[in-house]
Protein backbone atom coordinates (compact mmCIF):
# COMPACT_ATOMS: atom_id res chain seq x y z
CA UNK A 1 -64.46 -2.29 -15.60
CA UNK A 2 -68.47 -1.14 -15.17
CA UNK A 3 -70.65 1.65 -15.14
CA UNK A 4 -71.91 0.33 -12.33
CA UNK A 5 -69.21 0.50 -9.35
CA UNK A 6 -69.28 3.21 -7.20
CA UNK A 7 -66.64 5.88 -7.19
CA UNK A 8 -64.50 5.76 -3.91
CA UNK A 9 -63.04 8.97 -3.32
CA UNK A 10 -59.87 9.04 -1.34
CA UNK A 11 -60.75 10.15 2.65
CA UNK A 12 -58.66 13.21 3.89
CA UNK A 13 -56.93 13.16 7.03
CA UNK A 14 -57.30 15.59 9.34
CA UNK A 15 -53.99 17.32 10.16
CA UNK A 16 -55.06 18.48 13.94
CA UNK A 17 -58.06 16.40 15.98
CA UNK A 18 -59.34 17.69 19.02
CA UNK A 19 -59.69 14.64 22.06
CA UNK A 20 -60.58 17.28 25.06
CA UNK A 21 -64.43 18.27 24.21
CA UNK A 22 -64.55 20.60 26.88
CA UNK A 23 -61.55 22.95 24.68
CA UNK A 24 -62.71 26.65 24.19
CA UNK A 25 -62.07 28.35 20.90
CA UNK A 26 -59.63 30.58 22.15
CA UNK A 27 -57.12 27.79 23.73
CA UNK A 28 -57.91 25.93 20.33
CA UNK A 29 -56.94 28.77 18.58
CA UNK A 30 -53.91 29.09 21.01
CA UNK A 31 -52.38 25.39 20.11
CA UNK A 32 -53.09 26.07 16.37
CA UNK A 33 -50.87 29.50 16.76
CA UNK A 34 -48.07 27.49 18.18
CA UNK A 35 -47.84 24.79 15.77
CA UNK A 36 -48.58 27.56 12.98
CA UNK A 37 -45.18 29.15 14.40
CA UNK A 38 -42.83 26.39 14.50
CA UNK A 39 -43.10 26.84 10.67
CA UNK A 40 -42.59 24.19 7.80
CA UNK A 41 -38.83 22.27 6.37
CA UNK A 42 -35.97 24.15 6.15
CA UNK A 43 -35.15 26.24 2.79
CA UNK A 44 -32.26 24.52 1.40
CA UNK A 45 -28.94 25.69 1.97
CA UNK A 46 -27.07 28.31 -0.40
CA UNK A 47 -24.30 25.91 -2.33
CA UNK A 48 -20.54 26.30 -1.95
CA UNK A 49 -18.23 27.45 -4.73
CA UNK A 50 -15.79 24.61 -5.21
CA UNK A 51 -12.37 26.26 -3.98
CA UNK A 52 -10.56 25.35 -7.29
CA UNK A 53 -13.45 27.31 -8.95
CA UNK A 54 -12.99 30.36 -6.93
CA UNK A 55 -13.04 33.86 -8.26
CA UNK A 56 -9.49 34.59 -6.38
CA UNK A 57 -7.65 31.98 -7.98
CA UNK A 58 -8.35 33.28 -11.35
CA UNK A 59 -6.09 36.56 -10.44
CA UNK A 60 -2.87 36.70 -11.02
CA UNK A 61 -0.36 37.35 -7.81
CA UNK A 62 1.92 40.39 -7.81
CA UNK A 63 4.86 40.00 -6.41
CA UNK A 64 7.55 41.94 -4.50
CA UNK A 65 10.06 44.47 -6.38
CA UNK A 66 13.20 45.42 -5.57
CA UNK A 67 16.32 43.93 -4.49
CA UNK A 68 15.21 40.28 -2.99
CA UNK A 69 11.95 40.58 -5.12
CA UNK A 70 12.58 37.10 -6.85
CA UNK A 71 13.49 35.33 -3.35
CA UNK A 72 10.16 36.44 -1.86
CA UNK A 73 8.47 35.31 -5.22
CA UNK A 74 8.96 31.72 -4.57
CA UNK A 75 7.93 31.98 -0.85
CA UNK A 76 4.73 31.31 0.46
CA UNK A 77 2.22 34.34 1.73
């Protein structure tokens, strides 16, 4: 590369282009406000905790006391 070559800068494309030459500043402000209210991309969703490492699985279940307690310990809740 020699020093005689011109430096080409990238041209930025406008985000909004007014096509109607009769648009008033109030109309342009209104359409810009509408586009601004649409917002950007959604925030990433919160990661769910997998069931196998959920906190309620770390707690030991309590079993029923008294007569028949041994039988109810094997039944689903």
